[in-house]
Amino acid sequence: MLNKRVQTLFDQETWQLVHESAMNMNVSFGEALRQAANYAFKTKKIHKVKNKKVDLRAELATIHKDMKPMHLTFKEIKKMVEHGRRY
């Protein structure tokens, strides 16, 4: 029985992907999301999040130290990290 409701926002590309998948499977948008969630979580196909907090500044400083030959600034590395979070 379905008894929990969720409201979330998607970017256009993700929404289109789910919408087309739902149409191809001949199921509702919600059912496509439920199937994707079941697959991802039950088969552990997603990355596990560590329980400990990570000091982002320390991590970025370490990355920056390792990448000095490339002459990237702290802001450039941070921008790359933010870009990577979108995907």
C-alpha atoms as a PDB file:
ATOM      1  CA  MET A   1       0.000   0.000   0.000  1.00  0.00           C
ATOM      2  CA  LEU A   2       1.320   3.408  -0.917  1.00  0.00           C
ATOM      3  CA  ASN A   3       0.962   5.781   2.020  1.00  0.00           C
ATOM      4  CA  LYS A   4       3.874   8.247   1.867  1.00  0.00           C
ATOM      5  CA  ARG A   5       3.892  11.247  -0.451  1.00  0.00           C
ATOM      6  CA  VAL A   6       7.007  13.011  -1.742  1.00  0.00           C
ATOM      7  CA  GLN A   7       7.372  16.269  -3.614  1.00  0.00           C
ATOM      8  CA  THR A   8      10.662  16.993  -5.374  1.00  0.00           C
ATOM      9  CA  LEU A   9      12.054  19.210  -8.103  1.00  0.00           C
ATOM     10  CA  PHE A  10      13.922  17.942 -11.170  1.00  0.00           C
ATOM     11  CA  ASP A  11      15.969  19.687 -13.788  1.00  0.00           C
ATOM     12  CA  GLN A  12      14.508  19.438 -17.290  1.00  0.00           C
ATOM     13  CA  GLU A  13      16.951  16.731 -18.433  1.00  0.00           C
ATOM     14  CA  THR A  14      16.224  14.411 -15.487  1.00  0.00           C
ATOM     15  CA  TRP A  15      12.489  14.973 -15.723  1.00  0.00           C
ATOM     16  CA  GLN A  16      12.575  14.163 -19.455  1.00  0.00           C
ATOM     17  CA  LEU A  17      14.561  10.980 -18.790  1.00  0.00           C
ATOM     18  CA  VAL A  18      12.072   9.740 -16.196  1.00  0.00           C
ATOM     19  CA  HIS A  19       9.086  10.791 -18.307  1.00  0.00           C
ATOM     20  CA  GLU A  20      10.337   8.967 -21.413  1.00  0.00           C
ATOM     21  CA  SER A  21      11.257   5.893 -19.364  1.00  0.00           C
ATOM     22  CA  ALA A  22       7.796   5.825 -17.814  1.00  0.00           C
ATOM     23  CA  MET A  23       6.158   6.087 -21.238  1.00  0.00           C
ATOM     24  CA  ASN A  24       8.356   3.291 -22.640  1.00  0.00           C
ATOM     25  CA  MET A  25       7.508   1.038 -19.667  1.00  0.00           C
ATOM     26  CA  ASN A  26       3.821   2.013 -19.913  1.00  0.00           C
ATOM     27  CA  VAL A  27       3.712   3.057 -16.255  1.00  0.00           C
ATOM     28  CA  SER A  28       3.076   6.326 -14.443  1.00  0.00           C
ATOM     29  CA  PHE A  29       5.815   8.822 -13.671  1.00  0.00           C
ATOM     30  CA  GLY A  30       5.571   7.926  -9.975  1.00  0.00           C
ATOM     31  CA  GLU A  31       5.818   4.198 -10.675  1.00  0.00           C
ATOM     32  CA  ALA A  32       8.933   4.762 -12.790  1.00  0.00           C
ATOM     33  CA  LEU A  33      10.498   6.664  -9.880  1.00  0.00           C
ATOM     34  CA  ARG A  34       9.534   3.933  -7.406  1.00  0.00           C
ATOM     35  CA  GLN A  35      11.079   1.277  -9.631  1.00  0.00           C
ATOM     36  CA  ALA A  36      14.255   3.335 -10.045  1.00  0.00           C
ATOM     37  CA  ALA A  37      14.498   3.886  -6.279  1.00  0.00           C
ATOM     38  CA  ASN A  38      13.931   0.198  -5.549  1.00  0.00           C
ATOM     39  CA  TYR A  39      16.587  -0.788  -8.072  1.00  0.00           C
ATOM     40  CA  ALA A  40      19.104   1.776  -6.841  1.00  0.00           C
ATOM     41  CA  PHE A  41      18.707   1.145  -3.132  1.00  0.00           C
ATOM     42  CA  LYS A  42      17.996  -2.568  -3.068  1.00  0.00           C
ATOM     43  CA  THR A  43      20.811  -3.484  -5.448  1.00  0.00           C
ATOM     44  CA  LYS A  44      23.114  -0.896  -3.864  1.00  0.00           C
ATOM     45  CA  LYS A  45      23.900   0.688  -7.216  1.00  0.00           C
ATOM     46  CA  ILE A  46      24.313   4.093  -5.636  1.00  0.00           C
ATOM     47  CA  HIS A  47      27.235   5.508  -3.714  1.00  0.00           C
ATOM     48  CA  LYS A  48      27.011   5.115   0.041  1.00  0.00           C
ATOM     49  CA  VAL A  49      27.323   8.331   2.011  1.00  0.00           C
ATOM     50  CA  LYS A  50      29.796   8.192   4.853  1.00  0.00           C
ATOM     51  CA  ASN A  51      28.379   8.900   8.282  1.00  0.00           C
ATOM     52  CA  LYS A  52      31.286  11.098   9.291  1.00  0.00           C
ATOM     53  CA  LYS A  53      31.312  14.735   8.320  1.00  0.00           C
ATOM     54  CA  VAL A  54      33.950  15.750   5.822  1.00  0.00           C
ATOM     55  CA  ASP A  55      35.733  19.067   6.133  1.00  0.00           C
ATOM     56  CA  LEU A  56      35.279  20.345   2.589  1.00  0.00           C
ATOM     57  CA  ARG A  57      37.929  23.013   2.956  1.00  0.00           C
ATOM     58  CA  ALA A  58      40.521  20.457   4.063  1.00  0.00           C
ATOM     59  CA  GLU A  59      39.582  18.139   1.204  1.00  0.00           C
ATOM     60  CA  LEU A  60      39.814  20.938  -1.354  1.00  0.00           C
ATOM     61  CA  ALA A  61      43.114  22.113   0.102  1.00  0.00           C
ATOM     62  CA  THR A  62      44.502  18.579  -0.290  1.00  0.00           C
ATOM     63  CA  ILE A  63      43.276  18.414  -3.872  1.00  0.00           C
ATOM     64  CA  HIS A  64      44.709  21.846  -4.570  1.00  0.00           C
ATOM     65  CA  LYS A  65      48.084  20.822  -3.099  1.00  0.00           C
ATOM     66  CA  ASP A  66      48.172  17.724  -5.305  1.00  0.00           C
ATOM     67  CA  MET A  67      47.222  19.700  -8.415  1.00  0.00           C
ATOM     68  CA  LYS A  68      49.639  22.637  -8.042  1.00  0.00           C
ATOM     69  CA  PRO A  69      51.489  21.785 -11.259  1.00  0.00           C
ATOM     70  CA  MET A  70      48.245  22.520 -13.085  1.00  0.00           C
ATOM     71  CA  HIS A  71      48.116  26.009 -11.491  1.00  0.00           C
ATOM     72  CA  LEU A  72      44.433  25.812 -10.591  1.00  0.00           C
ATOM     73  CA  THR A  73      43.081  28.300  -8.090  1.00  0.00           C
ATOM     74  CA  PHE A  74      40.985  27.323  -5.108  1.00  0.00           C
ATOM     75  CA  LYS A  75      37.959  28.952  -6.775  1.00  0.00           C
ATOM     76  CA  GLU A  76      38.494  26.953  -9.989  1.00  0.00           C
ATOM     77  CA  ILE A  77      38.619  23.687  -8.048  1.00  0.00           C
ATOM     78  CA  LYS A  78      35.502  24.651  -6.099  1.00  0.00           C
ATOM     79  CA  LYS A  79      33.726  25.469  -9.373  1.00  0.00           C
ATOM     80  CA  MET A  80      34.670  22.031 -10.775  1.00  0.00           C
ATOM     81  CA  VAL A  81      33.349  20.356  -7.617  1.00  0.00           C
ATOM     82  CA  GLU A  82      30.044  22.227  -7.893  1.00  0.00           C
ATOM     83  CA  HIS A  83      29.794  21.295 -11.571  1.00  0.00           C
ATOM     84  CA  GLY A  84      30.392  17.633 -10.718  1.00  0.00           C
ATOM     85  CA  ARG A  85      27.591  17.679  -8.143  1.00  0.00           C
ATOM     86  CA  ARG A  86      25.048  18.367 -10.877  1.00  0.00           C
ATOM     87  CA  TYR A  87      25.696  14.935 -12.348  1.00  0.00           C
END
